[in-house]
Amino acid sequence: MSFAPAPPLWAYGPTPGAFYTTPTVGMPSSSRTAFGQFPSFPSQSQIEDSQSTDTRQRTLNPIVTGTSVLGIKFEGGVAIAADTLGSYGSLARFRNVSRLVKVGDATVVGGSGDIADFNMIRDYLNTLEIENREAQDGHEITPQAVHSYLTRVMYNRRSKFDPLWNTVLVGGMKKGVPYLAYTDKLGVAYEEQAISCGYGSYIALPLMREVIEKGEKLTKDDAVNLLQKCLQVLWYRDARSLNRYEIATITSDGVKVSQPQAAPSDWSIASMVRAVMFSFTTCTLVEWPKGLPCGITVARPFRSITGRCKLLLDLSDISIIVYLNRGQDREGRKNRED
C-alpha cells in the first residue's frame, strides 16, 4: 500500500505564530488526509473570535483587595495580624476572608492587596509544602526559605509585566530565632523588627516602633495586645478595614492562628472630629499660627459662597482664619484667560 508524499514543512500554512488562513479550494491532491479529505482550516470569523477571546491580559488595577497586615517580633516568637475584609472598591463586600496562611510547622504568611492574586500565592505555597513533604528527606520548610521563594515569584511576575498585586509578610521561627520579613509586587525584600503594609504603614507602624524603641522586652501577650490596639486604630481611621481580625503567633511550640475576633469600638469620639469638604480655589491667608510648618493648602467648601466670607478651619487644634472672595477668583480666571 502506497501513501501520498507528505507536503513540505509549512506548505499552505502560516508563518510561525500566525493562523491558518489558506482556503482549501485549489489545494493539490497530495494535501489530502488519509480519509481523502482536505484538512479543515478555521474560517475568518473563527479566527476573529479566537483573537478576541485569546488576547493576553494584564491586571492593571486590583479588584477585590485586603488592607493592612501587621507583624512584630517578641521575646521568643513572632505575631502577625490581619483583618478579614475583602473590599470591592469602597464596598465592604466580603467579610470573612482569611489573609493568613500557615506554611509548614513554623511559618505564617500574611498578604495585603488583590485577594485573587493572594489565593494564587496560597496555592503556590500549598504546592511547595506538598513537594517538601513528598521528598521525605527530613527537612522542614523554614521561614527564610519561604521568604526567598516569594521574592523570586514576585520578581519573576514583575519581570513579565504581569505582577501579583500583593504585599506579603513572612513570619516564623528557625532554631529558636524569630524571623519577620517583607516582600512586595516588585520583589523588594527586607527583614525588620516590626513591619506593616497597606494603610497600616502610616498609622500602625509608628505605634509599634514607639514601643520597640523603648528597648523593653516584649512578651507574647504584650505583642498581641499591641497588635489589637493597632487594629482598633485602623478600624477607626482606615475606610477599608474591619473590626474583625485574626492574629497568628509563631513560637518554638508551633503556629497558632486565632479564630476571627472582633475589636471593641466606641464611636462617641466622632463628635470631636470635624470634616469639611474642599475644592481648591484662590484664598488669602490672614493669620498664620506660629510653629505651623509651611506647605498646607487652604481651600473652599463645596457649598456656594457669595461675596466675601470668613472660614475657620480646625487642624489638630490649630485655628487658621482665611478670607475667601469668589469675585476675586473670577477676576483671576478672567485675567488668565485674557
Protein backbone atom coordinates (compact mmCIF):
# COMPACT_ATOMS: atom_id res chain seq x y z
CA MET A 1 0.00 0.00 0.00
CA SER A 2 1.47 3.31 -1.05
CA PHE A 3 0.95 6.62 0.72
CA ALA A 4 0.94 10.03 -0.80
CA PRO A 5 4.07 12.02 -0.01
CA ALA A 6 3.72 14.46 2.85
CA PRO A 7 3.60 18.14 1.92
CA PRO A 8 6.70 20.16 2.69
CA LEU A 9 7.00 21.89 6.02
CA TRP A 10 4.72 24.96 6.33
CA ALA A 11 3.15 24.24 2.96
CA TYR A 12 -0.13 26.13 2.68
CA GLY A 13 0.33 27.17 6.29
CA PRO A 14 1.04 30.37 8.18
CA THR A 15 4.20 31.98 9.26
CA PRO A 16 5.20 30.99 12.81
CA GLY A 17 2.79 32.50 15.31
CA ALA A 18 0.02 33.23 12.78
CA PHE A 19 -3.25 31.41 11.98
CA TYR A 20 -4.03 29.06 9.09
CA THR A 21 -5.99 31.21 6.67
CA THR A 22 -5.35 29.45 3.36
CA PRO A 23 -8.65 28.22 1.83
CA THR A 24 -8.99 24.58 0.78
CA VAL A 25 -10.01 25.48 -2.79
CA GLY A 26 -7.26 24.79 -5.26
CA MET A 27 -5.09 22.68 -2.96
CA PRO A 28 -3.31 19.75 -4.63
CA SER A 29 -4.44 16.21 -4.02
CA SER A 30 -1.17 15.48 -2.18
CA SER A 31 -2.51 17.54 0.72
CA ARG A 32 -5.46 15.20 1.27
CA THR A 33 -5.64 13.32 4.55
CA ALA A 34 -5.85 9.54 4.91
CA PHE A 35 -9.64 9.78 4.53
CA GLY A 36 -9.39 11.68 1.29
CA GLN A 37 -10.46 15.00 2.80
CA PHE A 38 -8.64 18.29 2.83
CA PRO A 39 -7.55 19.46 6.28
CA SER A 40 -10.05 21.81 7.85
CA PHE A 41 -8.86 25.35 8.45
CA PRO A 42 -10.65 27.87 10.65
CA SER A 43 -12.82 30.42 8.92
CA GLN A 44 -12.15 34.14 9.14
CA SER A 45 -14.95 34.58 11.69
CA GLN A 46 -13.47 31.79 13.83
CA ILE A 47 -10.07 33.47 13.67
CA GLU A 48 -11.54 36.81 14.76
CA ASP A 49 -13.43 35.17 17.64
CA SER A 50 -10.27 33.36 18.72
CA GLN A 51 -8.28 36.58 18.63
CA SER A 52 -10.89 38.45 20.70
CA THR A 53 -11.10 35.76 23.39
CA ASP A 54 -7.45 34.72 23.47
CA THR A 55 -5.90 38.15 23.88
CA ARG A 56 -3.36 38.20 26.67
CA GLN A 57 -4.49 40.31 29.60
CA ARG A 58 -2.69 42.11 32.40
CA THR A 59 -4.17 43.18 35.71
CA LEU A 60 -3.94 46.96 35.75
CA ASN A 61 -5.82 47.52 38.99
CA PRO A 62 -6.71 45.13 41.82
CA ILE A 63 -10.43 44.40 42.10
CA VAL A 64 -11.14 42.81 45.49
CA THR A 65 -8.47 43.89 47.96
CA GLY A 66 -7.41 43.44 51.55
CA THR A 67 -5.81 46.20 53.56
CA SER A 68 -3.12 46.24 56.26
CA VAL A 69 -1.14 43.30 57.61
CA LEU A 70 0.84 43.88 60.81
CA GLY A 71 3.79 41.92 62.15
CA ILE A 72 6.07 42.29 65.17
CA LYS A 73 8.75 40.23 66.89
CA PHE A 74 8.55 39.48 70.58
CA GLU A 75 10.68 37.58 73.06
CA GLY A 76 10.64 34.04 71.69
CA GLY A 77 8.43 34.45 68.66
CA VAL A 78 6.55 36.49 66.06
CA ALA A 79 2.98 37.77 65.89
CA ILE A 80 1.13 38.64 62.66
CA ALA A 81 -2.35 40.13 62.40
CA ALA A 82 -4.77 40.97 59.58
CA ASP A 83 -8.46 41.72 59.35
CA THR A 84 -10.89 39.57 57.35
CA LEU A 85 -12.33 42.12 54.94
CA GLY A 86 -12.22 41.89 51.17
CA SER A 87 -13.19 45.28 49.74
CA TYR A 88 -14.76 45.56 46.30
CA GLY A 89 -13.65 49.11 45.63
CA SER A 90 -15.15 51.07 48.51
CA LEU A 91 -17.76 48.38 49.23
CA ALA A 92 -17.12 46.12 52.25
CA ARG A 93 -18.15 43.12 50.15
CA PHE A 94 -16.54 40.02 51.68
CA ARG A 95 -16.26 39.99 55.47
CA ASN A 96 -14.83 36.53 56.08
CA VAL A 97 -11.62 36.44 54.02
CA SER A 98 -8.65 34.92 55.81
CA ARG A 99 -5.38 36.56 54.75
CA LEU A 100 -3.07 34.49 56.97
CA VAL A 101 -1.63 31.24 55.62
CA LYS A 102 0.21 28.61 57.66
CA VAL A 103 3.15 27.08 55.79
CA GLY A 104 4.83 24.09 57.36
CA ASP A 105 5.15 23.94 61.14
CA ALA A 106 6.97 27.21 61.78
CA THR A 107 5.88 29.82 59.20
CA VAL A 108 2.91 32.11 58.61
CA VAL A 109 2.39 34.28 55.52
CA GLY A 110 0.08 37.28 55.54
CA GLY A 111 -0.84 39.25 52.44
CA SER A 112 -2.48 42.52 51.52
CA GLY A 113 -3.60 43.66 48.09
CA ASP A 114 -5.52 41.71 45.48
CA ILE A 115 -7.37 38.75 47.04
CA ALA A 116 -7.33 36.68 43.82
CA ASP A 117 -3.57 37.06 43.48
CA PHE A 118 -3.10 36.15 47.13
CA ASN A 119 -5.15 32.99 46.56
CA MET A 120 -2.67 32.13 43.81
CA ILE A 121 0.19 32.68 46.24
CA ARG A 122 -1.66 30.43 48.68
CA ASP A 123 -1.77 27.71 46.01
CA TYR A 124 1.96 28.15 45.30
CA LEU A 125 2.76 27.74 48.99
CA ASN A 126 0.49 24.72 49.27
CA THR A 127 2.31 23.10 46.33
CA LEU A 128 5.66 23.95 47.92
CA GLU A 129 4.57 22.30 51.16
CA ILE A 130 3.35 19.16 49.37
CA GLU A 131 6.58 18.80 47.40
CA ASN A 132 8.62 19.19 50.58
CA ARG A 133 6.54 16.54 52.34
CA GLU A 134 6.82 14.14 49.40
CA ALA A 135 10.61 14.43 49.41
CA GLN A 136 10.72 12.76 52.87
CA ASP A 137 14.27 13.98 53.43
CA GLY A 138 13.74 15.15 56.99
CA HIS A 139 13.99 18.85 56.14
CA GLU A 140 11.32 21.29 57.25
CA ILE A 141 10.31 24.44 55.41
CA THR A 142 11.93 27.43 57.10
CA PRO A 143 10.58 31.00 57.06
CA GLN A 144 13.78 32.17 55.33
CA ALA A 145 13.17 29.67 52.53
CA VAL A 146 9.53 30.76 52.14
CA HIS A 147 10.55 34.42 52.04
CA SER A 148 13.26 33.77 49.46
CA TYR A 149 10.82 31.75 47.37
CA LEU A 150 8.20 34.52 47.41
CA THR A 151 10.73 37.19 46.43
CA ARG A 152 11.62 35.10 43.36
CA VAL A 153 7.95 34.58 42.50
CA MET A 154 7.18 38.29 42.83
CA TYR A 155 10.21 39.42 40.85
CA ASN A 156 9.56 36.84 38.13
CA ARG A 157 5.98 38.05 37.62
CA ARG A 158 7.11 41.66 37.73
CA SER A 159 9.70 40.94 35.03
CA LYS A 160 6.89 39.62 32.81
CA PHE A 161 4.99 42.89 33.31
CA ASP A 162 2.25 40.82 34.95
CA PRO A 163 2.83 41.34 38.68
CA LEU A 164 0.97 39.79 41.55
CA TRP A 165 -0.64 42.82 43.19
CA ASN A 166 0.26 41.91 46.74
CA THR A 167 2.50 42.88 49.60
CA VAL A 168 3.45 39.88 51.72
CA LEU A 169 4.73 39.46 55.28
CA VAL A 170 6.53 36.25 56.30
CA GLY A 171 6.96 35.40 59.95
CA GLY A 172 8.33 32.30 61.62
CA MET A 173 10.88 30.60 63.83
CA LYS A 174 14.08 28.79 62.97
CA LYS A 175 16.13 27.15 65.72
CA GLY A 176 14.52 29.37 68.33
CA VAL A 177 15.25 32.62 66.47
CA PRO A 178 12.24 34.72 65.31
CA TYR A 179 12.14 35.85 61.71
CA LEU A 180 9.97 38.59 60.18
CA ALA A 181 10.37 39.81 56.60
CA TYR A 182 8.62 41.70 53.81
CA THR A 183 8.31 41.48 50.05
CA ASP A 184 6.12 43.32 47.56
CA LYS A 185 4.99 43.02 43.95
CA LEU A 186 8.35 44.33 42.69
CA GLY A 187 10.37 41.78 44.64
CA VAL A 188 11.65 44.34 47.16
CA ALA A 189 12.58 42.44 50.32
CA TYR A 190 13.90 43.19 53.79
CA GLU A 191 13.80 41.93 57.38
CA GLU A 192 12.74 44.10 60.32
CA GLN A 193 11.65 44.05 63.96
CA ALA A 194 8.19 45.42 63.15
CA ILE A 195 6.59 45.56 59.70
CA SER A 196 3.30 46.75 58.32
CA CYS A 197 1.86 47.07 54.83
CA GLY A 198 -1.11 48.92 53.43
CA TYR A 199 -2.52 51.89 55.29
CA GLY A 200 -1.01 50.47 58.48
CA SER A 201 2.41 51.64 57.28
CA TYR A 202 1.27 55.19 58.10
CA ILE A 203 -0.96 54.59 61.11
CA ALA A 204 0.06 51.38 62.91
CA LEU A 205 3.80 51.14 62.25
CA PRO A 206 4.66 54.30 64.23
CA LEU A 207 2.76 52.87 67.21
CA MET A 208 4.74 49.63 67.07
CA ARG A 209 8.06 51.40 66.61
CA GLU A 210 7.33 53.63 69.58
CA VAL A 211 7.09 50.54 71.80
CA ILE A 212 10.17 48.88 70.26
CA GLU A 213 12.35 51.98 70.63
CA LYS A 214 11.80 51.96 74.39
CA GLY A 215 14.09 48.93 74.48
CA GLU A 216 11.82 46.87 76.70
CA LYS A 217 11.40 43.17 76.03
CA LEU A 218 8.03 42.32 74.57
CA THR A 219 6.23 39.23 75.80
CA LYS A 220 3.75 37.31 73.72
CA ASP A 221 0.81 38.91 75.50
CA ASP A 222 2.32 42.38 75.09
CA ALA A 223 2.75 41.84 71.34
CA VAL A 224 -0.81 40.55 70.91
CA ASN A 225 -2.25 43.48 72.90
CA LEU A 226 -0.21 45.93 70.82
CA LEU A 227 -1.50 44.44 67.58
CA GLN A 228 -5.06 44.59 68.87
CA LYS A 229 -4.59 48.27 69.70
CA CYS A 230 -3.19 48.95 66.22
CA LEU A 231 -6.08 47.11 64.57
CA GLN A 232 -8.54 49.14 66.60
CA VAL A 233 -6.89 52.38 65.47
CA LEU A 234 -7.03 51.17 61.87
CA TRP A 235 -10.71 50.36 62.29
CA TYR A 236 -11.28 53.99 63.25
CA ARG A 237 -9.04 55.53 60.60
CA ASP A 238 -8.88 53.17 57.60
CA ALA A 239 -12.03 53.11 55.47
CA ARG A 240 -11.04 49.70 54.03
CA SER A 241 -10.58 47.93 57.38
CA LEU A 242 -12.92 45.86 59.52
CA ASN A 243 -13.13 45.28 63.26
CA ARG A 244 -12.93 41.53 62.68
CA TYR A 245 -9.43 40.10 62.56
CA GLU A 246 -7.12 37.11 63.04
CA ILE A 247 -3.84 37.01 64.95
CA ALA A 248 -1.19 34.32 64.38
CA THR A 249 1.61 33.66 66.87
CA ILE A 250 4.66 31.62 65.99
CA THR A 251 6.84 30.28 68.81
CA SER A 252 9.06 27.27 69.41
CA ASP A 253 5.89 25.34 70.27
CA GLY A 254 4.49 25.87 66.77
CA VAL A 255 1.97 28.05 64.98
CA LYS A 256 -1.32 29.17 66.46
CA VAL A 257 -3.84 31.13 64.37
CA SER A 258 -6.69 32.53 66.42
CA GLN A 259 -10.32 32.36 65.45
CA PRO A 260 -11.71 35.60 63.99
CA GLN A 261 -12.40 38.03 66.81
CA ALA A 262 -13.98 41.46 66.94
CA ALA A 263 -12.31 44.64 68.18
CA PRO A 264 -14.37 46.84 70.52
CA SER A 265 -15.37 50.16 69.04
CA ASP A 266 -16.62 53.42 70.55
CA TRP A 267 -17.88 55.94 68.02
CA SER A 268 -18.69 58.58 70.60
CA ILE A 269 -15.36 60.16 69.64
CA ALA A 270 -16.87 61.02 66.24
CA SER A 271 -18.42 64.15 67.75
CA MET A 272 -14.92 65.52 68.30
CA VAL A 273 -13.90 65.07 64.65
CA ARG A 274 -14.77 67.81 62.17
CA ALA A 275 -14.75 67.04 58.46
CA VAL A 276 -15.05 69.69 55.74
CA MET A 277 -15.31 69.01 52.01
CA PHE A 278 -12.90 71.12 49.98
CA SER A 279 -12.35 72.24 46.44
CA PHE A 280 -9.27 74.27 45.61
CA THR A 281 -9.60 77.96 44.91
CA THR A 282 -7.79 81.24 45.37
CA CYS A 283 -7.58 82.33 49.01
CA THR A 284 -5.77 84.90 51.07
CA LEU A 285 -4.17 83.86 54.35
CA VAL A 286 -4.82 86.45 57.02
CA GLU A 287 -3.34 84.83 60.12
CA TRP A 288 -0.62 82.11 60.20
CA PRO A 289 -0.14 80.38 63.57
CA LYS A 290 3.36 80.32 64.97
CA GLY A 291 5.17 76.99 64.70
CA LEU A 292 2.93 75.62 61.92
CA PRO A 293 5.02 74.26 59.03
CA CYS A 294 4.50 75.69 55.57
CA GLY A 295 3.08 73.66 52.72
CA ILE A 296 -0.57 73.46 53.82
CA THR A 297 -3.11 74.44 51.16
CA VAL A 298 -6.32 76.01 52.40
CA ALA A 299 -9.36 75.57 50.19
CA ARG A 300 -13.04 76.49 49.82
CA PRO A 301 -16.01 74.27 50.84
CA PHE A 302 -18.30 72.87 48.15
CA ARG A 303 -21.22 74.94 49.37
CA SER A 304 -21.85 78.07 47.35
CA ILE A 305 -20.06 81.17 48.61
CA THR A 306 -21.27 84.59 47.59
CA GLY A 307 -19.31 87.73 48.27
CA ARG A 308 -16.70 87.79 50.98
CA CYS A 309 -16.90 85.34 53.84
CA LYS A 310 -14.70 84.10 56.66
CA LEU A 311 -13.99 80.40 57.26
CA LEU A 312 -12.50 78.87 60.39
CA LEU A 313 -10.65 75.56 59.97
CA ASP A 314 -9.55 73.41 62.88
CA LEU A 315 -6.44 71.41 62.03
CA SER A 316 -5.14 69.46 65.04
CA ASP A 317 -6.30 72.15 67.49
CA ILE A 318 -4.70 74.86 65.29
CA SER A 319 -7.06 77.54 64.00
CA ILE A 320 -6.43 79.09 60.61
CA ILE A 321 -8.57 82.05 59.54
CA VAL A 322 -8.84 82.68 55.82
CA TYR A 323 -10.85 85.09 53.68
CA LEU A 324 -12.38 83.69 50.53
CA ASN A 325 -13.55 86.07 47.82
CA ARG A 326 -15.29 84.45 44.91
CA GLY A 327 -15.29 87.68 42.93
CA GLN A 328 -11.51 87.91 43.10
CA ASP A 329 -11.28 84.31 41.97
CA ARG A 330 -13.43 85.14 38.93
CA GLU A 331 -11.27 88.12 38.09
CA GLY A 332 -8.16 85.98 38.38
CA ARG A 333 -9.58 83.42 35.96
CA LYS A 334 -10.62 86.20 33.57
CA ASN A 335 -7.14 87.70 33.64
CA ARG A 336 -5.59 84.28 32.98
CA GLU A 337 -7.94 83.72 30.04
CA ASP A 338 -7.03 87.14 28.57
